[in-house]
Amino acid sequence: MILAGQAHDFATEFGSDQLARRAALDGVAQPLPPYRPWLDRLTDFDPRRVLFAHDWAVWEPSGD
């Protein structure tokens, strides 16, 4: 579990960054939305749940 705190305020922001990161790593052609470069480090933890500072929502991986 990751307590994202101020890393991402909302689950939707984290989810959007995750999708952009995954698309970039999968070689999807530009233009892609930018994502925060430190997201790679958070993702290396392979979280099953991510909690946020300003959101009651919980992010969980899609299971792909």
PDB file of N, CA and C in Angstrom:
ATOM      1  N   MET A   1       0.850  -1.163   0.000  1.00  0.00           N
ATOM      2  CA  MET A   1       0.000   0.000   0.000  1.00  0.00           C
ATOM      3  C   MET A   1       0.898   1.229   0.000  1.00  0.00           C
ATOM      4  N   ILE A   2       0.476   2.246  -0.732  1.00  0.00           N
ATOM      5  CA  ILE A   2       1.181   3.523  -0.747  1.00  0.00           C
ATOM      6  C   ILE A   2       0.224   4.595  -0.264  1.00  0.00           C
ATOM      7  N   LEU A   3       0.684   5.410   0.668  1.00  0.00           N
ATOM      8  CA  LEU A   3      -0.045   6.607   1.056  1.00  0.00           C
ATOM      9  C   LEU A   3       0.596   7.741   0.262  1.00  0.00           C
ATOM     10  N   ALA A   4      -0.043   8.120  -0.834  1.00  0.00           N
ATOM     11  CA  ALA A   4       0.554   9.055  -1.788  1.00  0.00           C
ATOM     12  C   ALA A   4       0.664  10.467  -1.236  1.00  0.00           C
ATOM     13  N   GLY A   5      -0.156  10.800  -0.252  1.00  0.00           N
ATOM     14  CA  GLY A   5      -0.086  12.134   0.347  1.00  0.00           C
ATOM     15  C   GLY A   5      -0.122  13.226  -0.703  1.00  0.00           C
ATOM     16  N   GLN A   6       0.903  14.039  -0.734  1.00  0.00           N
ATOM     17  CA  GLN A   6       0.944  15.145  -1.692  1.00  0.00           C
ATOM     18  C   GLN A   6       1.529  14.731  -3.039  1.00  0.00           C
ATOM     19  N   ALA A   7       1.941  13.479  -3.190  1.00  0.00           N
ATOM     20  CA  ALA A   7       2.455  13.029  -4.479  1.00  0.00           C
ATOM     21  C   ALA A   7       1.383  13.194  -5.558  1.00  0.00           C
ATOM     22  N   HIS A   8       0.185  12.807  -5.223  1.00  0.00           N
ATOM     23  CA  HIS A   8      -1.002  13.026  -6.058  1.00  0.00           C
ATOM     24  C   HIS A   8      -2.135  13.332  -5.090  1.00  0.00           C
ATOM     25  N   ASP A   9      -2.854  14.392  -5.350  1.00  0.00           N
ATOM     26  CA  ASP A   9      -3.957  14.745  -4.469  1.00  0.00           C
ATOM     27  C   ASP A   9      -5.190  13.876  -4.701  1.00  0.00           C
ATOM     28  N   PHE A  10      -5.392  13.431  -5.944  1.00  0.00           N
ATOM     29  CA  PHE A  10      -6.616  12.730  -6.305  1.00  0.00           C
ATOM     30  C   PHE A  10      -6.318  11.452  -7.072  1.00  0.00           C
ATOM     31  N   ALA A  11      -7.163  10.464  -6.903  1.00  0.00           N
ATOM     32  CA  ALA A  11      -7.005   9.187  -7.593  1.00  0.00           C
ATOM     33  C   ALA A  11      -7.047   9.360  -9.110  1.00  0.00           C
ATOM     34  N   THR A  12      -7.856  10.281  -9.606  1.00  0.00           N
ATOM     35  CA  THR A  12      -7.937  10.484 -11.057  1.00  0.00           C
ATOM     36  C   THR A  12      -6.610  10.979 -11.625  1.00  0.00           C
ATOM     37  N   GLU A  13      -5.903  11.837 -10.878  1.00  0.00           N
ATOM     38  CA  GLU A  13      -4.585  12.313 -11.331  1.00  0.00           C
ATOM     39  C   GLU A  13      -3.593  11.152 -11.393  1.00  0.00           C
ATOM     40  N   PHE A  14      -3.597  10.335 -10.362  1.00  0.00           N
ATOM     41  CA  PHE A  14      -2.697   9.191 -10.325  1.00  0.00           C
ATOM     42  C   PHE A  14      -3.021   8.222 -11.459  1.00  0.00           C
ATOM     43  N   GLY A  15      -4.291   7.945 -11.657  1.00  0.00           N
ATOM     44  CA  GLY A  15      -4.705   7.046 -12.737  1.00  0.00           C
ATOM     45  C   GLY A  15      -4.313   7.572 -14.102  1.00  0.00           C
ATOM     46  N   SER A  16      -4.478   8.861 -14.336  1.00  0.00           N
ATOM     47  CA  SER A  16      -4.086   9.462 -15.620  1.00  0.00           C
ATOM     48  C   SER A  16      -2.584   9.351 -15.837  1.00  0.00           C
ATOM     49  N   ASP A  17      -1.814   9.636 -14.797  1.00  0.00           N
ATOM     50  CA  ASP A  17      -0.363   9.508 -14.909  1.00  0.00           C
ATOM     51  C   ASP A  17       0.047   8.056 -15.152  1.00  0.00           C
ATOM     52  N   GLN A  18      -0.615   7.129 -14.496  1.00  0.00           N
ATOM     53  CA  GLN A  18      -0.307   5.709 -14.702  1.00  0.00           C
ATOM     54  C   GLN A  18      -0.572   5.299 -16.148  1.00  0.00           C
ATOM     55  N   LEU A  19      -1.698   5.765 -16.704  1.00  0.00           N
ATOM     56  CA  LEU A  19      -2.015   5.433 -18.100  1.00  0.00           C
ATOM     57  C   LEU A  19      -0.999   6.039 -19.057  1.00  0.00           C
ATOM     58  N   ALA A  20      -0.603   7.284 -18.827  1.00  0.00           N
ATOM     59  CA  ALA A  20       0.388   7.938 -19.683  1.00  0.00           C
ATOM     60  C   ALA A  20       1.728   7.208 -19.598  1.00  0.00           C
ATOM     61  N   ARG A  21       2.121   6.834 -18.394  1.00  0.00           N
ATOM     62  CA  ARG A  21       3.376   6.104 -18.200  1.00  0.00           C
ATOM     63  C   ARG A  21       3.345   4.767 -18.922  1.00  0.00           C
ATOM     64  N   ARG A  22       2.259   4.052 -18.744  1.00  0.00           N
ATOM     65  CA  ARG A  22       2.138   2.737 -19.386  1.00  0.00           C
ATOM     66  C   ARG A  22       2.159   2.853 -20.902  1.00  0.00           C
ATOM     67  N   ALA A  23       1.466   3.848 -21.443  1.00  0.00           N
ATOM     68  CA  ALA A  23       1.466   4.063 -22.895  1.00  0.00           C
ATOM     69  C   ALA A  23       2.875   4.371 -23.389  1.00  0.00           C
ATOM     70  N   ALA A  24       3.601   5.221 -22.671  1.00  0.00           N
ATOM     71  CA  ALA A  24       4.974   5.564 -23.064  1.00  0.00           C
ATOM     72  C   ALA A  24       5.864   4.325 -23.045  1.00  0.00           C
ATOM     73  N   LEU A  25       5.747   3.518 -22.001  1.00  0.00           N
ATOM     74  CA  LEU A  25       6.566   2.304 -21.904  1.00  0.00           C
ATOM     75  C   LEU A  25       6.188   1.262 -22.955  1.00  0.00           C
ATOM     76  N   ASP A  26       4.923   1.279 -23.370  1.00  0.00           N
ATOM     77  CA  ASP A  26       4.462   0.340 -24.402  1.00  0.00           C
ATOM     78  C   ASP A  26       4.778   0.822 -25.809  1.00  0.00           C
ATOM     79  N   GLY A  27       5.369   2.024 -25.925  1.00  0.00           N
ATOM     80  CA  GLY A  27       5.774   2.535 -27.232  1.00  0.00           C
ATOM     81  C   GLY A  27       4.683   3.226 -28.025  1.00  0.00           C
ATOM     82  N   VAL A  28       3.633   3.667 -27.368  1.00  0.00           N
ATOM     83  CA  VAL A  28       2.565   4.398 -28.062  1.00  0.00           C
ATOM     84  C   VAL A  28       3.151   5.699 -28.601  1.00  0.00           C
ATOM     85  N   ALA A  29       2.787   6.033 -29.829  1.00  0.00           N
ATOM     86  CA  ALA A  29       3.335   7.218 -30.488  1.00  0.00           C
ATOM     87  C   ALA A  29       2.939   8.495 -29.759  1.00  0.00           C
ATOM     88  N   GLN A  30       3.823   9.459 -29.796  1.00  0.00           N
ATOM     89  CA  GLN A  30       3.564  10.792 -29.241  1.00  0.00           C
ATOM     90  C   GLN A  30       2.510  11.474 -30.107  1.00  0.00           C
ATOM     91  N   PRO A  31       1.811  12.443 -29.623  1.00  0.00           N
ATOM     92  CA  PRO A  31       1.960  13.052 -28.310  1.00  0.00           C
ATOM     93  C   PRO A  31       1.192  12.285 -27.248  1.00  0.00           C
ATOM     94  N   LEU A  32       1.824  12.158 -26.109  1.00  0.00           N
ATOM     95  CA  LEU A  32       1.208  11.573 -24.922  1.00  0.00           C
ATOM     96  C   LEU A  32       1.221  12.616 -23.818  1.00  0.00           C
ATOM     97  N   PRO A  33       0.267  12.546 -22.915  1.00  0.00           N
ATOM     98  CA  PRO A  33       0.325  13.470 -21.778  1.00  0.00           C
ATOM     99  C   PRO A  33       1.585  13.194 -20.962  1.00  0.00           C
ATOM    100  N   PRO A  34       2.208  14.226 -20.449  1.00  0.00           N
ATOM    101  CA  PRO A  34       3.386  13.992 -19.609  1.00  0.00           C
ATOM    102  C   PRO A  34       2.970  13.387 -18.270  1.00  0.00           C
ATOM    103  N   TYR A  35       3.873  12.665 -17.675  1.00  0.00           N
ATOM    104  CA  TYR A  35       3.634  12.171 -16.319  1.00  0.00           C
ATOM    105  C   TYR A  35       4.850  12.523 -15.468  1.00  0.00           C
ATOM    106  N   ARG A  36       4.636  12.579 -14.189  1.00  0.00           N
ATOM    107  CA  ARG A  36       5.717  12.947 -13.275  1.00  0.00           C
ATOM    108  C   ARG A  36       6.798  11.874 -13.294  1.00  0.00           C
ATOM    109  N   PRO A  37       8.061  12.251 -13.483  1.00  0.00           N
ATOM    110  CA  PRO A  37       9.121  11.255 -13.635  1.00  0.00           C
ATOM    111  C   PRO A  37       9.325  10.361 -12.411  1.00  0.00           C
ATOM    112  N   TRP A  38       8.993  10.834 -11.221  1.00  0.00           N
ATOM    113  CA  TRP A  38       9.156  10.010 -10.027  1.00  0.00           C
ATOM    114  C   TRP A  38       8.081   8.938  -9.905  1.00  0.00           C
ATOM    115  N   LEU A  39       7.109   8.940 -10.827  1.00  0.00           N
ATOM    116  CA  LEU A  39       6.089   7.894 -10.815  1.00  0.00           C
ATOM    117  C   LEU A  39       6.722   6.525 -11.051  1.00  0.00           C
ATOM    118  N   ASP A  40       7.825   6.495 -11.805  1.00  0.00           N
ATOM    119  CA  ASP A  40       8.525   5.226 -12.018  1.00  0.00           C
ATOM    120  C   ASP A  40       8.946   4.615 -10.679  1.00  0.00           C
ATOM    121  N   ARG A  41       9.430   5.449  -9.783  1.00  0.00           N
ATOM    122  CA  ARG A  41       9.881   4.941  -8.481  1.00  0.00           C
ATOM    123  C   ARG A  41       8.705   4.418  -7.647  1.00  0.00           C
ATOM    124  N   LEU A  42       7.599   5.151  -7.644  1.00  0.00           N
ATOM    125  CA  LEU A  42       6.414   4.668  -6.919  1.00  0.00           C
ATOM    126  C   LEU A  42       5.919   3.351  -7.501  1.00  0.00           C
ATOM    127  N   THR A  43       5.924   3.262  -8.820  1.00  0.00           N
ATOM    128  CA  THR A  43       5.423   2.061  -9.488  1.00  0.00           C
ATOM    129  C   THR A  43       6.325   0.859  -9.210  1.00  0.00           C
ATOM    130  N   ASP A  44       7.618   1.105  -9.002  1.00  0.00           N
ATOM    131  CA  ASP A  44       8.537   0.010  -8.679  1.00  0.00           C
ATOM    132  C   ASP A  44       8.135  -0.723  -7.396  1.00  0.00           C
ATOM    133  N   PHE A  45       7.396  -0.052  -6.518  1.00  0.00           N
ATOM    134  CA  PHE A  45       6.909  -0.705  -5.298  1.00  0.00           C
ATOM    135  C   PHE A  45       5.785  -1.698  -5.591  1.00  0.00           C
ATOM    136  N   ASP A  46       5.246  -1.672  -6.814  1.00  0.00           N
ATOM    137  CA  ASP A  46       4.155  -2.567  -7.238  1.00  0.00           C
ATOM    138  C   ASP A  46       2.984  -2.512  -6.262  1.00  0.00           C
ATOM    139  N   PRO A  47       2.428  -1.299  -6.049  1.00  0.00           N
ATOM    140  CA  PRO A  47       1.362  -1.165  -5.055  1.00  0.00           C
ATOM    141  C   PRO A  47       0.072  -1.870  -5.471  1.00  0.00           C
ATOM    142  N   ARG A  48      -0.620  -2.396  -4.501  1.00  0.00           N
ATOM    143  CA  ARG A  48      -1.943  -2.999  -4.707  1.00  0.00           C
ATOM    144  C   ARG A  48      -3.038  -2.006  -4.350  1.00  0.00           C
ATOM    145  N   ARG A  49      -2.694  -0.975  -3.551  1.00  0.00           N
ATOM    146  CA  ARG A  49      -3.632   0.085  -3.189  1.00  0.00           C
ATOM    147  C   ARG A  49      -2.841   1.372  -3.011  1.00  0.00           C
ATOM    148  N   VAL A  50      -3.428   2.468  -3.478  1.00  0.00           N
ATOM    149  CA  VAL A  50      -2.823   3.783  -3.296  1.00  0.00           C
ATOM    150  C   VAL A  50      -3.895   4.703  -2.714  1.00  0.00           C
ATOM    151  N   LEU A  51      -3.563   5.370  -1.620  1.00  0.00           N
ATOM    152  CA  LEU A  51      -4.466   6.301  -0.934  1.00  0.00           C
ATOM    153  C   LEU A  51      -3.960   7.724  -1.149  1.00  0.00           C
ATOM    154  N   PHE A  52      -4.866   8.696  -1.080  1.00  0.00           N
ATOM    155  CA  PHE A  52      -4.540  10.073  -1.444  1.00  0.00           C
ATOM    156  C   PHE A  52      -4.904  11.064  -0.348  1.00  0.00           C
ATOM    157  N   ALA A  53      -4.258  12.229  -0.403  1.00  0.00           N
ATOM    158  CA  ALA A  53      -4.439  13.247   0.634  1.00  0.00           C
ATOM    159  C   ALA A  53      -5.811  13.908   0.587  1.00  0.00           C
ATOM    160  N   HIS A  54      -6.350  14.119  -0.595  1.00  0.00           N
ATOM    161  CA  HIS A  54      -7.582  14.905  -0.733  1.00  0.00           C
ATOM    162  C   HIS A  54      -8.683  14.134  -1.453  1.00  0.00           C
ATOM    163  N   ASP A  55      -8.680  12.824  -1.315  1.00  0.00           N
ATOM    164  CA  ASP A  55      -9.633  12.010  -2.062  1.00  0.00           C
ATOM    165  C   ASP A  55      -9.939  10.766  -1.238  1.00  0.00           C
ATOM    166  N   TRP A  56     -11.191  10.432  -1.129  1.00  0.00           N
ATOM    167  CA  TRP A  56     -11.583   9.207  -0.430  1.00  0.00           C
ATOM    168  C   TRP A  56     -11.405   7.984  -1.312  1.00  0.00           C
ATOM    169  N   ALA A  57     -11.247   8.205  -2.622  1.00  0.00           N
ATOM    170  CA  ALA A  57     -11.079   7.097  -3.559  1.00  0.00           C
ATOM    171  C   ALA A  57      -9.770   6.367  -3.298  1.00  0.00           C
ATOM    172  N   VAL A  58      -9.750   5.098  -3.628  1.00  0.00           N
ATOM    173  CA  VAL A  58      -8.564   4.269  -3.515  1.00  0.00           C
ATOM    174  C   VAL A  58      -8.240   3.743  -4.914  1.00  0.00           C
ATOM    175  N   TRP A  59      -6.989   3.902  -5.337  1.00  0.00           N
ATOM    176  CA  TRP A  59      -6.580   3.377  -6.636  1.00  0.00           C
ATOM    177  C   TRP A  59      -6.050   1.964  -6.450  1.00  0.00           C
ATOM    178  N   GLU A  60      -6.503   1.058  -7.336  1.00  0.00           N
ATOM    179  CA  GLU A  60      -5.993  -0.304  -7.359  1.00  0.00           C
ATOM    180  C   GLU A  60      -5.676  -0.657  -8.800  1.00  0.00           C
ATOM    181  N   PRO A  61      -4.624  -1.442  -9.036  1.00  0.00           N
ATOM    182  CA  PRO A  61      -4.266  -1.779 -10.425  1.00  0.00           C
ATOM    183  C   PRO A  61      -5.373  -2.585 -11.085  1.00  0.00           C
ATOM    184  N   SER A  62      -5.412  -2.506 -12.398  1.00  0.00           N
ATOM    185  CA  SER A  62      -6.471  -3.189 -13.149  1.00  0.00           C
ATOM    186  C   SER A  62      -6.310  -4.702 -13.167  1.00  0.00           C
ATOM    187  N   GLY A  63      -5.117  -5.198 -12.854  1.00  0.00           N
ATOM    188  CA  GLY A  63      -4.903  -6.644 -12.821  1.00  0.00           C
ATOM    189  C   GLY A  63      -4.391  -7.209 -14.118  1.00  0.00           C
ATOM    190  N   ASP A  64      -3.976  -6.329 -15.034  1.00  0.00           N
ATOM    191  CA  ASP A  64      -3.436  -6.802 -16.327  1.00  0.00           C
ATOM    192  C   ASP A  64      -2.129  -7.504 -16.135  1.00  0.00           C
TER     193      ASP A  64
END
